[in-house]
Amino acid sequence: MSGNAAATRFLGLLRAHPGPDFRIEAAAVLADVPLGQAMTAMRALCDARLVERTAPRRYRLLDQGPASSWLGEREIEAARRRVIEWYLQGSYDASQYMDLTCHHPLKIEVSEASVRVPEFPDRQAAAAWYEQEWANLVAAVQTAAECGFLVLVWQLAATMRFVFMRADRCEAGMAVQRRALRAAQQLHDLWATATILDGLCLAYMQLGQGAQSQDANAAAIAIWQEIGDGEREAISKTTRSLQMMGSRDWARSVGYIEGIIASTEDVSARRIYGVNLGNLGECMLELGDLARARSLVSKALGIHREFGWDMGIADTLWNLSRIMRARRRMADALPYAQAAVEHAKRTTDANLQGRTMLELAVALQANRKYDESATAYRNALEHARLAGDRGGEARVLERAAVLRHELRDLTAARAWHEQSIAVSREIGDRWYLALSLERFAETLERLGREREAWAARAESLALFKEFDEPAARAALARLSIALGD
């Protein structure tokens, strides 16, 4: 093939790329040529101003025409399959670092491309690759679906399921998972279907769509039971227990979690076992059994340290700080909160980072380190908004309002309270709305707005009556006295 013909073929195949820009390795895979040959061809196209370099080893087509028809549909389809498999290979390798739950890293068969994807030495490198390739991955799933590459559709979506846990990616991530579910069902592949249902469950949870999340979770559990995969069933059930805890159904959560613990006590499922010990400890904290809570969470922490699993370590340290605060041991809470933040920073989970930063802010405030506390609140709010965690946003706003109240900055406290209450109403979080209204009443009272304070307390009282747990009963007693009931 002459030089001009080779360059024309190279350009035509570049037009078959599914996303907006690409690495030189992706171009080589598309054209099915060695990397050196691709670099030579790319330089010629850049000189001809048909392609521009956007970053080292990265390019964008300036000539956005369709893939050249003279290449033939089979050659274009083969090129698309090669490059989608290349993206799958990269996403699969990177996904091994993106473990945001008690899942073990996903195991699937991946075809190895002739030109390797970049190696990922650590979680940060994997996260950076996803950041750079996110649009290409979403486009690759769409192209795979259009070409009928159904296995590639669900496999790509499965490797991406923890990458859309961010506010600006949720909608695209949801579309990817829905498309993947259709592909898995068309293939009649139960394992693939349940895997995607697990991903959909997480996506619905992220978007605050509780009913849809529970439906996807129940369907996944049913399939894992049908095919006899006890470990994956336990993982899906762990997600279900988190849904129950999120609705503050503590009594039912305890029995459900104890059942998971009984089924995962063997060594092969030790990490899932540890997660559920920690979840049970959190239930005990909410139910007021602080001694048992500390014992369970400490045992879970030891298991997570065996695996060097930063997310699990951060989560258990977060709970230990809360337990210490519940025991009024504020000085003991602070080191746990600080360590929780450090471990959370080693993950790519913005939700976890925001949650641990909020706990650090509260612990700093409890220890009268007000300037540091204010900074921690700002960081926590930033992370909650990055993750699209509206509930987390409301909690940060509320606790920041309590700090302003404590510092006698009542005007600022009122503004923060009002923002928190607005978010809680918007998302339907009746528990946190009740807490916020009670605290808001204290600020209103200090501002001399007794009638508004009374109304806030009355609404808070009505809301707390919906809950049957120690914290609600204590709040009802306080509010009844304040309202003169």
Protein backbone atom coordinates (compact mmCIF):
# COMPACT_ATOMS: atom_id res chain seq x y z
CA MET A 1 0.00 0.00 0.00
CA SER A 2 1.39 3.40 -0.98
CA GLY A 3 2.07 6.07 1.63
CA ASN A 4 -0.91 8.14 0.54
CA ALA A 5 -3.22 5.12 0.56
CA ALA A 6 -1.98 4.10 4.03
CA ALA A 7 -2.54 7.60 5.37
CA THR A 8 -6.02 7.72 3.83
CA ARG A 9 -6.88 4.34 5.38
CA PHE A 10 -5.50 5.50 8.75
CA LEU A 11 -7.63 8.67 8.66
CA GLY A 12 -10.72 6.74 7.60
CA LEU A 13 -10.37 4.34 10.51
CA LEU A 14 -9.73 7.17 12.99
CA ARG A 15 -13.20 8.43 12.07
CA ALA A 16 -14.60 5.15 13.43
CA HIS A 17 -13.38 6.03 16.93
CA PRO A 18 -16.38 6.17 19.31
CA GLY A 19 -15.35 9.21 21.38
CA PRO A 20 -14.18 12.82 20.97
CA ASP A 21 -10.41 12.33 21.30
CA PHE A 22 -8.01 9.44 21.70
CA ARG A 23 -4.58 8.27 22.74
CA ILE A 24 -2.08 7.25 20.09
CA GLU A 25 -2.41 3.65 21.34
CA ALA A 26 -6.15 3.70 20.56
CA ALA A 27 -5.36 4.98 17.07
CA ALA A 28 -2.88 2.13 16.53
CA VAL A 29 -5.48 -0.40 17.66
CA LEU A 30 -8.11 1.09 15.35
CA ALA A 31 -5.78 0.85 12.35
CA ASP A 32 -4.32 -2.49 13.51
CA VAL A 33 -0.76 -1.25 13.01
CA PRO A 34 2.31 -1.14 15.28
CA LEU A 35 2.59 1.86 17.58
CA GLY A 36 5.58 3.32 15.71
CA GLN A 37 3.73 3.22 12.41
CA ALA A 38 0.71 4.92 13.99
CA MET A 39 2.91 7.70 15.35
CA THR A 40 4.39 8.32 11.90
CA ALA A 41 0.96 8.46 10.30
CA MET A 42 -0.33 10.76 13.05
CA ARG A 43 2.51 13.23 12.51
CA ALA A 44 1.61 13.37 8.80
CA LEU A 45 -2.05 14.02 9.61
CA CYS A 46 -1.10 16.75 12.09
CA ASP A 47 1.11 18.38 9.45
CA ALA A 48 -1.84 18.28 7.04
CA ARG A 49 -4.03 19.86 9.73
CA LEU A 50 -6.48 16.97 9.68
CA VAL A 51 -5.66 16.06 13.27
CA GLU A 52 -4.42 18.12 16.21
CA ARG A 53 -2.53 17.07 19.29
CA THR A 54 -4.45 18.04 22.44
CA ALA A 55 -1.98 16.63 25.01
CA PRO A 56 1.07 14.36 24.99
CA ARG A 57 0.13 11.16 23.09
CA ARG A 58 -3.44 12.43 22.69
CA TYR A 59 -5.19 13.67 19.53
CA ARG A 60 -8.46 14.99 18.13
CA LEU A 61 -9.78 14.86 14.57
CA LEU A 62 -10.29 18.20 12.88
CA ASP A 63 -11.88 16.46 9.88
CA GLN A 64 -15.02 14.97 11.47
CA GLY A 65 -16.42 13.13 8.44
CA PRO A 66 -17.81 9.58 8.63
CA ALA A 67 -15.57 6.52 8.39
CA SER A 68 -14.62 6.15 4.73
CA SER A 69 -17.19 3.96 3.00
CA TRP A 70 -14.57 2.51 0.62
CA LEU A 71 -12.96 0.71 3.54
CA GLY A 72 -15.92 -1.65 3.72
CA GLU A 73 -18.34 -2.30 6.56
CA ARG A 74 -16.46 -5.36 7.80
CA GLU A 75 -13.17 -3.51 8.14
CA ILE A 76 -14.84 -0.62 9.97
CA GLU A 77 -16.74 -2.99 12.26
CA ALA A 78 -13.54 -4.93 13.02
CA ALA A 79 -11.77 -1.67 13.85
CA ARG A 80 -14.57 -0.64 16.20
CA ARG A 81 -14.49 -4.01 17.94
CA ARG A 82 -10.72 -3.78 18.39
CA VAL A 83 -10.82 -0.32 19.93
CA ILE A 84 -13.81 -1.11 22.16
CA GLU A 85 -11.96 -4.20 23.40
CA TRP A 86 -8.96 -1.93 24.05
CA TYR A 87 -11.10 0.39 26.15
CA LEU A 88 -12.57 -2.61 27.96
CA GLN A 89 -9.07 -3.84 28.73
CA GLY A 90 -8.14 -0.45 30.19
CA SER A 91 -11.36 -0.12 32.16
CA TYR A 92 -11.01 -3.64 33.51
CA ASP A 93 -7.43 -3.02 34.66
CA ALA A 94 -8.35 0.33 36.22
CA SER A 95 -11.47 -1.11 37.87
CA GLN A 96 -9.32 -3.33 40.08
CA TYR A 97 -8.47 -0.15 42.03
CA MET A 98 -12.00 1.29 42.09
CA ASP A 99 -13.50 -1.06 44.66
CA LEU A 100 -15.93 1.18 46.55
CA THR A 101 -17.94 -1.54 48.31
CA CYS A 102 -17.29 -4.94 49.83
CA HIS A 103 -17.20 -6.40 46.31
CA HIS A 104 -14.09 -8.27 45.39
CA PRO A 105 -12.61 -6.86 42.18
CA LEU A 106 -14.69 -7.95 39.19
CA LYS A 107 -13.38 -10.96 37.27
CA ILE A 108 -14.20 -11.20 33.56
CA GLU A 109 -12.45 -12.53 30.48
CA VAL A 110 -10.81 -9.70 28.54
CA SER A 111 -9.21 -10.02 25.09
CA GLU A 112 -5.69 -8.61 25.14
CA ALA A 113 -5.09 -6.01 22.44
CA SER A 114 -1.91 -5.98 20.36
CA VAL A 115 -1.14 -2.50 21.75
CA ARG A 116 -1.35 -2.47 25.54
CA VAL A 117 -3.26 0.08 27.56
CA PRO A 118 -1.24 2.17 30.02
CA GLU A 119 -0.29 0.39 33.22
CA PHE A 120 -1.87 1.60 36.45
CA PRO A 121 0.55 1.50 39.38
CA ASP A 122 -1.99 2.77 41.91
CA ARG A 123 -5.54 3.98 42.53
CA GLN A 124 -4.71 7.57 41.62
CA ALA A 125 -3.40 6.54 38.19
CA ALA A 126 -6.54 4.46 37.60
CA ALA A 127 -8.78 7.36 38.61
CA ALA A 128 -6.87 9.74 36.34
CA TRP A 129 -7.32 7.35 33.39
CA TYR A 130 -11.07 7.17 34.00
CA GLU A 131 -11.17 10.97 34.22
CA GLN A 132 -9.45 11.26 30.85
CA GLU A 133 -11.35 8.46 29.10
CA TRP A 134 -14.83 8.85 30.64
CA ALA A 135 -16.48 10.30 27.52
CA ASN A 136 -14.82 7.66 25.33
CA LEU A 137 -16.01 4.84 27.59
CA VAL A 138 -19.61 6.08 27.51
CA ALA A 139 -19.38 6.42 23.70
CA ALA A 140 -17.81 2.95 23.45
CA VAL A 141 -20.80 1.39 25.24
CA GLN A 142 -23.20 3.15 22.88
CA THR A 143 -21.19 2.10 19.81
CA ALA A 144 -20.95 -1.49 21.06
CA ALA A 145 -24.73 -1.57 21.49
CA GLU A 146 -25.29 -0.15 17.98
CA CYS A 147 -22.90 -2.74 16.50
CA GLY A 148 -24.52 -5.61 18.41
CA PHE A 149 -21.43 -6.35 20.51
CA LEU A 150 -23.65 -7.33 23.45
CA VAL A 151 -20.97 -9.00 25.56
CA LEU A 152 -18.77 -5.93 25.29
CA VAL A 153 -21.71 -3.73 26.30
CA TRP A 154 -22.34 -5.41 29.64
CA GLN A 155 -18.65 -6.01 30.36
CA LEU A 156 -17.76 -2.34 29.84
CA ALA A 157 -20.70 -1.24 31.99
CA ALA A 158 -19.70 -3.66 34.74
CA THR A 159 -16.16 -2.30 34.89
CA MET A 160 -17.51 1.27 34.99
CA ARG A 161 -20.09 0.78 37.75
CA PHE A 162 -18.11 2.61 40.45
CA VAL A 163 -16.90 5.41 38.18
CA PHE A 164 -20.19 7.27 37.80
CA MET A 165 -20.55 7.91 41.55
CA ARG A 166 -20.24 11.61 40.93
CA ALA A 167 -22.89 14.26 40.39
CA ASP A 168 -21.82 15.13 36.86
CA ARG A 169 -21.75 11.49 35.74
CA CYS A 170 -24.82 9.94 37.32
CA GLU A 171 -27.21 10.37 34.41
CA ALA A 172 -24.71 9.08 31.83
CA GLY A 173 -23.79 6.22 34.16
CA MET A 174 -27.44 5.29 34.57
CA ALA A 175 -27.93 5.21 30.79
CA VAL A 176 -24.89 2.93 30.47
CA GLN A 177 -26.22 0.51 33.08
CA ARG A 178 -29.70 0.38 31.55
CA ARG A 179 -28.25 -0.33 28.12
CA ALA A 180 -26.07 -3.05 29.67
CA LEU A 181 -29.05 -4.66 31.40
CA ARG A 182 -30.84 -4.98 28.05
CA ALA A 183 -27.73 -6.54 26.53
CA ALA A 184 -27.30 -9.06 29.36
CA GLN A 185 -30.96 -10.04 29.17
CA GLN A 186 -30.76 -10.46 25.39
CA LEU A 187 -27.82 -12.81 25.95
CA HIS A 188 -29.82 -14.74 28.59
CA ASP A 189 -26.71 -14.49 30.79
CA LEU A 190 -27.90 -14.63 34.39
CA TRP A 191 -24.49 -13.84 35.94
CA ALA A 192 -24.10 -10.78 33.73
CA THR A 193 -27.69 -9.69 34.42
CA ALA A 194 -27.25 -9.87 38.19
CA THR A 195 -23.92 -8.05 37.98
CA ILE A 196 -25.52 -5.18 36.07
CA LEU A 197 -28.51 -5.15 38.44
CA ASP A 198 -26.04 -4.64 41.29
CA GLY A 199 -24.59 -1.68 39.40
CA LEU A 200 -28.06 -0.27 38.72
CA CYS A 201 -28.92 -0.61 42.39
CA LEU A 202 -25.92 1.55 43.30
CA ALA A 203 -26.80 4.09 40.60
CA TYR A 204 -30.39 4.42 41.84
CA MET A 205 -29.12 4.82 45.40
CA GLN A 206 -26.79 7.59 44.24
CA LEU A 207 -29.71 9.40 42.60
CA GLY A 208 -31.91 8.98 45.69
CA GLN A 209 -34.38 6.70 43.86
CA GLY A 210 -35.01 4.28 46.72
CA ALA A 211 -37.85 2.21 45.26
CA GLN A 212 -35.99 1.54 42.00
CA SER A 213 -32.84 0.71 43.93
CA GLN A 214 -34.68 -1.84 46.04
CA ASP A 215 -36.29 -3.42 42.98
CA ALA A 216 -32.92 -3.84 41.24
CA ASN A 217 -31.40 -5.22 44.45
CA ALA A 218 -34.21 -7.75 44.96
CA ALA A 219 -33.88 -8.94 41.35
CA ALA A 220 -30.11 -9.37 41.74
CA ILE A 221 -30.49 -11.34 44.98
CA ALA A 222 -33.04 -13.65 43.34
CA ILE A 223 -30.63 -14.42 40.48
CA TRP A 224 -27.65 -15.04 42.77
CA GLN A 225 -29.83 -17.47 44.73
CA GLU A 226 -30.98 -19.15 41.52
CA ILE A 227 -27.45 -19.76 40.23
CA GLY A 228 -26.06 -20.61 43.68
CA ASP A 229 -23.47 -17.84 44.01
CA GLY A 230 -23.52 -17.40 47.79
CA GLU A 231 -20.75 -14.83 47.93
CA ARG A 232 -22.39 -12.48 45.43
CA GLU A 233 -25.72 -13.04 47.15
CA ALA A 234 -24.14 -11.89 50.43
CA ILE A 235 -22.76 -8.78 48.72
CA SER A 236 -26.17 -7.89 47.31
CA LYS A 237 -27.77 -8.54 50.68
CA THR A 238 -25.23 -6.21 52.26
CA THR A 239 -26.46 -3.51 49.91
CA ARG A 240 -30.00 -4.29 51.00
CA SER A 241 -29.02 -3.91 54.65
CA LEU A 242 -27.57 -0.48 53.86
CA GLN A 243 -30.89 0.50 52.28
CA MET A 244 -32.68 -0.60 55.46
CA MET A 245 -30.24 1.33 57.62
CA GLY A 246 -30.75 4.37 55.40
CA SER A 247 -34.46 4.28 56.25
CA ARG A 248 -33.53 3.97 59.98
CA ASP A 249 -35.20 0.58 60.27
CA TRP A 250 -32.71 -0.44 62.94
CA ALA A 251 -34.54 -3.36 64.53
CA ARG A 252 -35.16 -5.12 61.20
CA SER A 253 -31.64 -4.23 60.03
CA VAL A 254 -30.10 -6.00 63.02
CA GLY A 255 -31.81 -9.32 62.27
CA TYR A 256 -31.04 -9.07 58.55
CA ILE A 257 -27.36 -8.25 59.11
CA GLU A 258 -26.97 -11.04 61.66
CA GLY A 259 -28.21 -13.44 58.97
CA ILE A 260 -25.54 -12.19 56.54
CA ILE A 261 -22.86 -12.52 59.22
CA ALA A 262 -23.89 -16.13 59.88
CA SER A 263 -23.56 -16.95 56.17
CA THR A 264 -20.17 -15.24 55.66
CA GLU A 265 -18.19 -16.34 58.69
CA ASP A 266 -15.93 -18.60 56.63
CA VAL A 267 -12.55 -17.23 55.52
CA SER A 268 -13.44 -16.98 51.79
CA ALA A 269 -15.99 -14.28 52.54
CA ARG A 270 -14.05 -12.63 55.35
CA ARG A 271 -14.13 -9.14 53.92
CA ILE A 272 -17.92 -9.20 53.49
CA TYR A 273 -18.11 -10.60 57.01
CA GLY A 274 -16.10 -7.64 58.27
CA VAL A 275 -18.32 -5.14 56.47
CA ASN A 276 -21.39 -6.58 58.12
CA LEU A 277 -19.79 -6.59 61.54
CA GLY A 278 -19.21 -2.88 61.08
CA ASN A 279 -22.77 -2.32 59.85
CA LEU A 280 -24.15 -4.19 62.85
CA GLY A 281 -21.95 -2.04 65.09
CA GLU A 282 -23.45 1.09 63.50
CA CYS A 283 -26.94 -0.23 64.26
CA MET A 284 -25.93 -0.79 67.87
CA LEU A 285 -24.65 2.78 68.04
CA GLU A 286 -28.00 4.10 66.83
CA LEU A 287 -29.84 1.82 69.28
CA GLY A 288 -27.70 3.09 72.16
CA ASP A 289 -25.72 -0.10 72.93
CA LEU A 290 -22.35 1.66 72.83
CA ALA A 291 -20.29 -1.15 74.38
CA ARG A 292 -21.42 -3.68 71.78
CA ALA A 293 -21.10 -1.09 69.03
CA ARG A 294 -17.46 -0.46 69.89
CA SER A 295 -16.68 -4.19 70.12
CA LEU A 296 -18.21 -4.97 66.72
CA VAL A 297 -16.69 -1.98 64.93
CA SER A 298 -13.24 -2.65 66.42
CA LYS A 299 -13.40 -6.27 65.21
CA ALA A 300 -14.41 -5.06 61.74
CA LEU A 301 -11.50 -2.61 61.74
CA GLY A 302 -9.07 -5.45 62.41
CA ILE A 303 -10.41 -7.44 59.47
CA HIS A 304 -10.22 -4.47 57.10
CA ARG A 305 -6.63 -3.84 58.18
CA GLU A 306 -5.80 -7.46 57.30
CA PHE A 307 -6.77 -6.63 53.70
CA GLY A 308 -5.33 -3.10 53.75
CA TRP A 309 -8.76 -1.97 52.52
CA ASP A 310 -8.83 1.81 52.93
CA MET A 311 -12.56 2.21 52.42
CA GLY A 312 -13.43 -0.29 55.13
CA ILE A 313 -10.81 1.17 57.46
CA ALA A 314 -12.11 4.71 56.92
CA ASP A 315 -15.71 3.64 57.49
CA THR A 316 -14.95 1.85 60.77
CA LEU A 317 -12.78 4.71 62.05
CA TRP A 318 -15.67 7.07 61.21
CA ASN A 319 -17.97 4.95 63.37
CA LEU A 320 -15.43 4.74 66.20
CA SER A 321 -15.25 8.55 66.30
CA ARG A 322 -19.04 8.70 66.50
CA ILE A 323 -19.08 6.10 69.27
CA MET A 324 -16.53 8.08 71.27
CA ARG A 325 -18.61 11.24 70.88
CA ALA A 326 -21.73 9.36 71.99
CA ARG A 327 -19.77 8.36 75.11
CA ARG A 328 -18.81 12.03 75.62
CA ARG A 329 -15.13 11.20 75.10
CA MET A 330 -14.46 14.04 72.68
CA ALA A 331 -10.68 13.99 72.94
CA ASP A 332 -10.67 10.27 72.10
CA ALA A 333 -12.96 10.81 69.10
CA LEU A 334 -10.64 13.24 67.34
CA PRO A 335 -7.77 10.86 66.44
CA TYR A 336 -10.27 8.38 64.99
CA ALA A 337 -11.87 11.12 62.88
CA GLN A 338 -8.49 12.36 61.64
CA ALA A 339 -7.39 8.84 60.69
CA ALA A 340 -10.72 8.20 58.94
CA VAL A 341 -10.13 11.21 56.68
CA GLU A 342 -6.60 10.09 55.86
CA HIS A 343 -7.77 6.64 54.78
CA ALA A 344 -10.74 8.06 52.86
CA LYS A 345 -8.37 10.28 50.88
CA ARG A 346 -6.67 7.13 49.58
CA THR A 347 -9.92 6.08 47.92
CA THR A 348 -11.74 7.68 45.00
CA ASP A 349 -15.06 7.77 46.85
CA ALA A 350 -16.21 11.40 47.19
CA ASN A 351 -19.15 10.28 49.37
CA LEU A 352 -16.84 8.65 51.89
CA GLN A 353 -14.42 11.56 51.83
CA GLY A 354 -17.24 14.02 52.50
CA ARG A 355 -18.71 11.89 55.28
CA THR A 356 -15.39 11.48 57.10
CA MET A 357 -14.59 15.19 56.69
CA LEU A 358 -17.94 16.03 58.25
CA GLU A 359 -17.17 13.79 61.22
CA LEU A 360 -13.77 15.43 61.56
CA ALA A 361 -15.41 18.87 61.55
CA VAL A 362 -17.84 17.80 64.28
CA ALA A 363 -15.05 16.26 66.37
CA LEU A 364 -12.91 19.38 65.99
CA GLN A 365 -15.86 21.52 67.05
CA ALA A 366 -16.45 19.26 70.06
CA ASN A 367 -12.81 19.87 71.03
CA ARG A 368 -13.22 23.66 70.59
CA LYS A 369 -10.90 23.82 67.57
CA TYR A 370 -13.23 26.19 65.79
CA ASP A 371 -11.07 27.50 62.93
CA GLU A 372 -10.03 23.98 61.92
CA SER A 373 -13.63 22.86 62.25
CA ALA A 374 -14.87 25.60 59.88
CA THR A 375 -12.28 24.55 57.28
CA ALA A 376 -13.32 20.91 57.60
CA TYR A 377 -16.97 21.85 57.11
CA ARG A 378 -16.09 23.69 53.88
CA ASN A 379 -14.18 20.64 52.61
CA ALA A 380 -17.03 18.31 53.53
CA LEU A 381 -19.56 20.49 51.73
CA GLU A 382 -17.39 20.57 48.60
CA HIS A 383 -17.12 16.79 48.55
CA ALA A 384 -20.84 16.26 49.18
CA ARG A 385 -21.67 18.49 46.22
CA LEU A 386 -19.05 16.82 44.02
CA ALA A 387 -20.60 13.43 44.77
CA GLY A 388 -24.14 14.72 44.26
CA ASP A 389 -24.87 13.60 47.84
CA ARG A 390 -27.83 15.82 48.70
CA GLY A 391 -28.33 14.18 52.08
CA GLY A 392 -24.68 14.74 52.89
CA GLU A 393 -25.00 18.35 51.78
CA ALA A 394 -27.93 18.89 54.18
CA ARG A 395 -25.99 17.34 57.08
CA VAL A 396 -22.94 19.54 56.48
CA LEU A 397 -25.05 22.68 56.21
CA GLU A 398 -26.84 21.83 59.44
CA ARG A 399 -23.72 21.07 61.44
CA ALA A 400 -22.06 24.22 60.09
CA ALA A 401 -25.11 26.14 61.33
CA VAL A 402 -24.61 24.63 64.80
CA LEU A 403 -21.00 25.87 64.73
CA ARG A 404 -22.12 29.41 63.83
CA HIS A 405 -24.72 29.25 66.61
CA GLU A 406 -22.08 28.17 69.11
CA LEU A 407 -19.87 31.08 68.00
CA ARG A 408 -22.86 33.46 68.47
CA ASP A 409 -23.00 34.30 64.77
CA LEU A 410 -26.77 33.86 64.79
CA THR A 411 -27.53 35.49 61.43
CA ALA A 412 -25.17 33.10 59.65
CA ALA A 413 -26.48 30.19 61.72
CA ARG A 414 -30.04 30.97 60.63
CA ALA A 415 -29.04 31.10 56.95
CA TRP A 416 -27.22 27.75 57.14
CA HIS A 417 -30.18 26.16 58.98
CA GLU A 418 -32.60 27.38 56.34
CA GLN A 419 -30.48 25.93 53.52
CA SER A 420 -30.21 22.58 55.27
CA ILE A 421 -33.95 22.43 55.96
CA ALA A 422 -34.71 23.28 52.32
CA VAL A 423 -32.51 20.42 51.05
CA SER A 424 -33.97 17.94 53.55
CA ARG A 425 -37.49 18.87 52.46
CA GLU A 426 -36.49 18.55 48.80
CA ILE A 427 -35.12 15.03 49.16
CA GLY A 428 -37.73 13.87 51.67
CA ASP A 429 -35.29 13.13 54.51
CA ARG A 430 -37.75 13.37 57.38
CA TRP A 431 -35.31 12.28 60.07
CA TYR A 432 -32.73 14.91 59.35
CA LEU A 433 -35.47 17.48 58.81
CA ALA A 434 -36.70 16.77 62.35
CA LEU A 435 -33.18 17.20 63.77
CA SER A 436 -32.61 20.39 61.80
CA LEU A 437 -35.90 21.97 62.85
CA GLU A 438 -35.17 21.36 66.52
CA ARG A 439 -31.76 23.00 66.26
CA PHE A 440 -33.17 25.78 64.09
CA ALA A 441 -35.66 26.56 66.86
CA GLU A 442 -32.79 27.23 69.27
CA THR A 443 -31.28 29.78 66.90
CA LEU A 444 -34.66 31.43 66.26
CA GLU A 445 -35.25 31.68 69.99
CA ARG A 446 -31.89 33.38 70.50
CA LEU A 447 -32.86 35.82 67.74
CA GLY A 448 -36.05 36.68 69.62
CA ARG A 449 -38.35 34.97 67.10
CA GLU A 450 -40.30 32.92 69.65
CA ARG A 451 -43.36 32.24 67.47
CA GLU A 452 -41.23 30.83 64.63
CA ALA A 453 -39.21 28.82 67.14
CA TRP A 454 -42.42 27.31 68.53
CA ALA A 455 -43.59 26.36 65.02
CA ALA A 456 -40.25 24.73 64.20
CA ARG A 457 -40.37 22.70 67.41
CA ALA A 458 -43.97 21.65 66.78
CA GLU A 459 -43.10 20.39 63.30
CA SER A 460 -40.01 18.65 64.66
CA LEU A 461 -42.11 16.92 67.33
CA ALA A 462 -44.59 15.65 64.73
CA LEU A 463 -41.77 14.27 62.60
CA PHE A 464 -39.96 12.53 65.46
CA LYS A 465 -43.19 10.66 66.31
CA GLU A 466 -42.68 8.69 63.08
CA PHE A 467 -39.53 7.03 64.46
CA ASP A 468 -39.14 4.37 67.12
CA GLU A 469 -35.57 4.57 68.37
CA PRO A 470 -33.70 6.00 71.38
CA ALA A 471 -32.68 9.27 69.72
CA ALA A 472 -36.27 9.96 68.64
CA ARG A 473 -37.67 9.20 72.09
CA ALA A 474 -35.11 11.54 73.70
CA ALA A 475 -36.00 14.28 71.20
CA LEU A 476 -39.71 13.84 71.89
CA ALA A 477 -39.10 14.27 75.62
CA ARG A 478 -37.05 17.47 75.05
CA LEU A 479 -39.55 18.95 72.63
CA SER A 480 -42.55 18.16 74.80
CA ILE A 481 -40.97 20.06 77.68
CA ALA A 482 -40.03 22.99 75.43
CA LEU A 483 -43.56 23.17 73.98
CA GLY A 484 -45.19 22.81 77.41
CA ASP A 485 -46.99 19.59 76.47
